[in-house]
Amino acid sequence: MTVAHRPEEFAFGDAPPGGDDVKWEVDGLTFEKNPRRLLTADDNEMMRIWHWTRVGDFGGARPLPDAGGIQDQAAVMMDAIRIMDGAYARLRKAERRS
């Protein structure tokens, strides 16, 4: 979520901005190499779906990944969206504190 939300911070190669002695820090985890390289095509597709389902954030109905209502959706997809919503909320809360 962090990589997708702040892509400019991960647009470099394997050395984070600030020099070689600085490591990548994401959600309390430290990475030697750019964590953007860990993302797969499936990860990027899930982010695309998550962004698409967030369109109705201002009171409108949010589109769902599959046809039909909420009960017609794959449980694993709805769980993934819920987890991503939580990660995004934590990221935004941390940004407001900074």
N, C-alpha and C. Protein backbone atom coordinates (compact mmCIF):
# COMPACT_ATOMS: atom_id res chain seq x y z
N MET A 1 0.83 -1.18 0.00
CA MET A 1 0.00 0.00 0.00
C MET A 1 0.89 1.25 0.00
N THR A 2 1.93 1.23 0.80
CA THR A 2 2.82 2.39 0.89
C THR A 2 3.48 2.68 -0.45
N VAL A 3 3.95 1.65 -1.12
CA VAL A 3 4.62 1.82 -2.41
C VAL A 3 3.65 2.42 -3.43
N ALA A 4 2.42 1.96 -3.43
CA ALA A 4 1.43 2.48 -4.37
C ALA A 4 0.98 3.89 -4.02
N HIS A 5 0.91 4.19 -2.73
CA HIS A 5 0.42 5.49 -2.28
C HIS A 5 1.47 6.59 -2.45
N ARG A 6 2.74 6.23 -2.30
CA ARG A 6 3.82 7.22 -2.42
C ARG A 6 4.87 6.74 -3.43
N PRO A 7 4.48 6.57 -4.69
CA PRO A 7 5.41 6.00 -5.68
C PRO A 7 6.69 6.80 -5.87
N GLU A 8 6.62 8.11 -5.66
CA GLU A 8 7.81 8.94 -5.85
C GLU A 8 8.95 8.54 -4.91
N GLU A 9 8.62 7.98 -3.75
CA GLU A 9 9.64 7.56 -2.79
C GLU A 9 10.32 6.25 -3.20
N PHE A 10 9.73 5.55 -4.17
CA PHE A 10 10.25 4.25 -4.59
C PHE A 10 10.62 4.24 -6.06
N ALA A 11 10.75 5.43 -6.65
CA ALA A 11 11.03 5.55 -8.08
C ALA A 11 12.52 5.37 -8.39
N PHE A 12 13.33 5.18 -7.38
CA PHE A 12 14.77 5.05 -7.58
C PHE A 12 15.14 3.59 -7.81
N GLY A 13 16.41 3.33 -7.94
CA GLY A 13 16.89 1.96 -8.06
C GLY A 13 16.87 1.29 -6.69
N ASP A 14 17.91 0.55 -6.39
CA ASP A 14 17.95 -0.18 -5.12
C ASP A 14 18.45 0.66 -3.95
N ALA A 15 19.01 1.82 -4.21
CA ALA A 15 19.49 2.68 -3.12
C ALA A 15 18.40 3.69 -2.77
N PRO A 16 17.97 3.72 -1.52
CA PRO A 16 16.92 4.68 -1.14
C PRO A 16 17.45 6.11 -1.17
N PRO A 17 16.55 7.08 -1.31
CA PRO A 17 17.01 8.47 -1.25
C PRO A 17 17.64 8.73 0.10
N GLY A 18 18.77 9.38 0.11
CA GLY A 18 19.46 9.66 1.37
C GLY A 18 20.78 8.95 1.46
N GLY A 19 21.12 8.10 0.52
CA GLY A 19 22.43 7.47 0.52
C GLY A 19 22.38 5.98 0.79
N ASP A 20 23.53 5.35 0.59
CA ASP A 20 23.63 3.90 0.71
C ASP A 20 23.48 3.38 2.13
N ASP A 21 23.80 4.20 3.13
CA ASP A 21 23.71 3.73 4.51
C ASP A 21 22.28 3.73 5.04
N VAL A 22 21.38 4.35 4.32
CA VAL A 22 19.97 4.40 4.71
C VAL A 22 19.26 3.20 4.08
N LYS A 23 18.40 2.56 4.85
CA LYS A 23 17.63 1.42 4.35
C LYS A 23 16.21 1.87 4.06
N TRP A 24 15.49 1.05 3.31
CA TRP A 24 14.08 1.32 3.04
C TRP A 24 13.27 0.94 4.27
N GLU A 25 12.43 1.85 4.75
CA GLU A 25 11.57 1.59 5.90
C GLU A 25 10.11 1.67 5.45
N VAL A 26 9.37 0.58 5.63
CA VAL A 26 7.96 0.54 5.25
C VAL A 26 7.20 -0.21 6.35
N ASP A 27 6.24 0.46 6.96
CA ASP A 27 5.39 -0.15 7.98
C ASP A 27 6.19 -0.86 9.07
N GLY A 28 7.27 -0.24 9.50
CA GLY A 28 8.08 -0.81 10.57
C GLY A 28 9.04 -1.90 10.12
N LEU A 29 9.05 -2.22 8.84
CA LEU A 29 9.97 -3.22 8.29
C LEU A 29 11.10 -2.52 7.56
N THR A 30 12.30 -3.10 7.64
CA THR A 30 13.46 -2.55 6.97
C THR A 30 13.82 -3.43 5.78
N PHE A 31 14.07 -2.80 4.64
CA PHE A 31 14.42 -3.51 3.42
C PHE A 31 15.79 -3.05 2.93
N GLU A 32 16.62 -3.98 2.52
CA GLU A 32 17.92 -3.67 1.95
C GLU A 32 17.77 -3.12 0.53
N LYS A 33 16.83 -3.67 -0.21
CA LYS A 33 16.59 -3.29 -1.60
C LYS A 33 15.21 -2.63 -1.70
N ASN A 34 14.99 -1.94 -2.79
CA ASN A 34 13.73 -1.24 -3.03
C ASN A 34 12.56 -2.23 -2.94
N PRO A 35 11.63 -2.04 -1.99
CA PRO A 35 10.51 -2.97 -1.85
C PRO A 35 9.58 -2.98 -3.06
N ARG A 36 9.67 -1.97 -3.90
CA ARG A 36 8.86 -1.95 -5.12
C ARG A 36 9.17 -3.16 -6.00
N ARG A 37 10.39 -3.66 -5.91
CA ARG A 37 10.79 -4.82 -6.71
C ARG A 37 10.12 -6.11 -6.23
N LEU A 38 9.55 -6.10 -5.04
CA LEU A 38 8.87 -7.28 -4.51
C LEU A 38 7.45 -7.44 -5.07
N LEU A 39 6.93 -6.37 -5.63
CA LEU A 39 5.56 -6.41 -6.14
C LEU A 39 5.49 -7.20 -7.44
N THR A 40 4.48 -8.04 -7.53
CA THR A 40 4.27 -8.86 -8.72
C THR A 40 3.18 -8.25 -9.59
N ALA A 41 2.97 -8.82 -10.74
CA ALA A 41 1.88 -8.37 -11.61
C ALA A 41 0.53 -8.55 -10.90
N ASP A 42 0.40 -9.63 -10.12
CA ASP A 42 -0.84 -9.86 -9.37
C ASP A 42 -1.04 -8.78 -8.31
N ASP A 43 0.03 -8.36 -7.65
CA ASP A 43 -0.05 -7.28 -6.66
C ASP A 43 -0.54 -6.00 -7.32
N ASN A 44 0.04 -5.68 -8.47
CA ASN A 44 -0.36 -4.48 -9.19
C ASN A 44 -1.81 -4.55 -9.65
N GLU A 45 -2.26 -5.73 -10.07
CA GLU A 45 -3.66 -5.90 -10.48
C GLU A 45 -4.59 -5.73 -9.28
N MET A 46 -4.21 -6.23 -8.12
CA MET A 46 -5.03 -6.07 -6.92
C MET A 46 -5.12 -4.60 -6.54
N MET A 47 -4.02 -3.86 -6.68
CA MET A 47 -4.06 -2.42 -6.40
C MET A 47 -5.00 -1.72 -7.38
N ARG A 48 -4.97 -2.14 -8.64
CA ARG A 48 -5.86 -1.55 -9.64
C ARG A 48 -7.32 -1.79 -9.26
N ILE A 49 -7.63 -3.01 -8.87
CA ILE A 49 -8.99 -3.34 -8.46
C ILE A 49 -9.39 -2.55 -7.22
N TRP A 50 -8.49 -2.47 -6.25
CA TRP A 50 -8.78 -1.73 -5.02
C TRP A 50 -9.06 -0.26 -5.35
N HIS A 51 -8.21 0.36 -6.17
CA HIS A 51 -8.45 1.76 -6.55
C HIS A 51 -9.79 1.93 -7.24
N TRP A 52 -10.10 1.00 -8.12
CA TRP A 52 -11.36 1.06 -8.86
C TRP A 52 -12.56 0.98 -7.93
N THR A 53 -12.47 0.15 -6.89
CA THR A 53 -13.60 0.02 -5.96
C THR A 53 -13.71 1.19 -5.00
N ARG A 54 -12.73 2.07 -4.97
CA ARG A 54 -12.77 3.23 -4.06
C ARG A 54 -13.37 4.45 -4.73
N VAL A 55 -13.83 4.36 -5.96
CA VAL A 55 -14.35 5.50 -6.72
C VAL A 55 -15.49 6.19 -6.00
N GLY A 56 -16.39 5.46 -5.38
CA GLY A 56 -17.58 6.05 -4.77
C GLY A 56 -17.37 6.52 -3.34
N ASP A 57 -16.17 6.90 -3.00
CA ASP A 57 -15.84 7.27 -1.62
C ASP A 57 -16.66 8.44 -1.08
N PHE A 58 -17.19 9.29 -1.94
CA PHE A 58 -17.88 10.49 -1.47
C PHE A 58 -19.39 10.30 -1.43
N GLY A 59 -19.82 9.17 -0.87
CA GLY A 59 -21.24 8.95 -0.66
C GLY A 59 -21.91 8.14 -1.75
N GLY A 60 -21.26 7.93 -2.86
CA GLY A 60 -21.84 7.13 -3.93
C GLY A 60 -21.61 5.65 -3.68
N ALA A 61 -22.26 4.83 -4.46
CA ALA A 61 -22.07 3.39 -4.34
C ALA A 61 -20.72 3.02 -4.94
N ARG A 62 -20.00 2.19 -4.24
CA ARG A 62 -18.73 1.72 -4.76
C ARG A 62 -18.96 0.56 -5.72
N PRO A 63 -18.25 0.58 -6.85
CA PRO A 63 -18.38 -0.56 -7.75
C PRO A 63 -17.76 -1.80 -7.10
N LEU A 64 -18.27 -2.95 -7.43
CA LEU A 64 -17.74 -4.21 -6.91
C LEU A 64 -16.98 -4.93 -8.02
N PRO A 65 -16.01 -5.76 -7.66
CA PRO A 65 -15.19 -6.42 -8.68
C PRO A 65 -15.97 -7.33 -9.62
N ASP A 66 -16.97 -8.06 -9.11
CA ASP A 66 -17.74 -8.99 -9.94
C ASP A 66 -19.17 -8.48 -10.10
N ALA A 67 -19.85 -9.02 -11.10
CA ALA A 67 -21.25 -8.65 -11.32
C ALA A 67 -22.10 -9.08 -10.12
N GLY A 68 -23.18 -8.36 -9.88
CA GLY A 68 -24.09 -8.70 -8.80
C GLY A 68 -23.83 -7.86 -7.56
N GLY A 69 -24.49 -8.25 -6.50
CA GLY A 69 -24.40 -7.52 -5.24
C GLY A 69 -23.27 -8.03 -4.36
N ILE A 70 -23.26 -7.57 -3.13
CA ILE A 70 -22.18 -7.90 -2.19
C ILE A 70 -22.10 -9.41 -1.94
N GLN A 71 -23.23 -10.08 -1.93
CA GLN A 71 -23.24 -11.52 -1.68
C GLN A 71 -22.74 -12.33 -2.88
N ASP A 72 -22.63 -11.69 -4.04
CA ASP A 72 -22.14 -12.36 -5.24
C ASP A 72 -20.63 -12.26 -5.41
N GLN A 73 -19.97 -11.55 -4.52
CA GLN A 73 -18.53 -11.33 -4.64
C GLN A 73 -17.76 -12.50 -4.01
N ALA A 74 -16.57 -12.74 -4.54
CA ALA A 74 -15.70 -13.76 -3.97
C ALA A 74 -15.26 -13.30 -2.58
N ALA A 75 -15.40 -14.15 -1.59
CA ALA A 75 -15.05 -13.79 -0.21
C ALA A 75 -13.59 -13.38 -0.10
N VAL A 76 -12.71 -14.07 -0.80
CA VAL A 76 -11.29 -13.75 -0.70
C VAL A 76 -11.01 -12.36 -1.26
N MET A 77 -11.71 -11.97 -2.31
CA MET A 77 -11.52 -10.63 -2.88
C MET A 77 -12.03 -9.56 -1.91
N MET A 78 -13.18 -9.80 -1.32
CA MET A 78 -13.73 -8.82 -0.37
C MET A 78 -12.84 -8.72 0.86
N ASP A 79 -12.28 -9.85 1.32
CA ASP A 79 -11.33 -9.82 2.44
C ASP A 79 -10.09 -9.02 2.07
N ALA A 80 -9.58 -9.23 0.86
CA ALA A 80 -8.38 -8.49 0.41
C ALA A 80 -8.66 -6.99 0.37
N ILE A 81 -9.81 -6.61 -0.14
CA ILE A 81 -10.17 -5.19 -0.19
C ILE A 81 -10.28 -4.62 1.22
N ARG A 82 -10.89 -5.37 2.13
CA ARG A 82 -11.01 -4.91 3.52
C ARG A 82 -9.62 -4.73 4.15
N ILE A 83 -8.71 -5.67 3.91
CA ILE A 83 -7.35 -5.58 4.45
C ILE A 83 -6.63 -4.36 3.87
N MET A 84 -6.81 -4.13 2.58
CA MET A 84 -6.18 -2.97 1.94
C MET A 84 -6.77 -1.67 2.46
N ASP A 85 -8.08 -1.64 2.71
CA ASP A 85 -8.70 -0.46 3.32
C ASP A 85 -8.06 -0.17 4.67
N GLY A 86 -7.86 -1.20 5.48
CA GLY A 86 -7.24 -1.03 6.79
C GLY A 86 -5.81 -0.53 6.69
N ALA A 87 -5.06 -1.08 5.75
CA ALA A 87 -3.67 -0.64 5.56
C ALA A 87 -3.62 0.82 5.12
N TYR A 88 -4.53 1.19 4.24
CA TYR A 88 -4.59 2.58 3.78
C TYR A 88 -4.98 3.52 4.92
N ALA A 89 -5.92 3.12 5.74
CA ALA A 89 -6.33 3.95 6.88
C ALA A 89 -5.17 4.14 7.85
N ARG A 90 -4.41 3.08 8.12
CA ARG A 90 -3.23 3.21 9.01
C ARG A 90 -2.17 4.12 8.40
N LEU A 91 -1.97 4.00 7.11
CA LEU A 91 -0.99 4.86 6.42
C LEU A 91 -1.40 6.31 6.50
N ARG A 92 -2.66 6.61 6.24
CA ARG A 92 -3.14 7.99 6.31
C ARG A 92 -3.06 8.55 7.73
N LYS A 93 -3.37 7.71 8.72
CA LYS A 93 -3.29 8.14 10.12
C LYS A 93 -1.85 8.48 10.49
N ALA A 94 -0.90 7.66 10.05
CA ALA A 94 0.53 7.92 10.32
C ALA A 94 0.98 9.21 9.63
N GLU A 95 0.47 9.45 8.44
CA GLU A 95 0.83 10.69 7.71
C GLU A 95 0.31 11.92 8.44
N ARG A 96 -0.89 11.82 9.00
CA ARG A 96 -1.45 12.97 9.72
C ARG A 96 -0.67 13.27 10.98
N ARG A 97 -0.09 12.24 11.60
CA ARG A 97 0.70 12.43 12.82
C ARG A 97 2.06 13.07 12.50
N SER A 98 2.54 12.88 11.28
CA SER A 98 3.87 13.40 10.91
C SER A 98 3.86 14.88 10.64
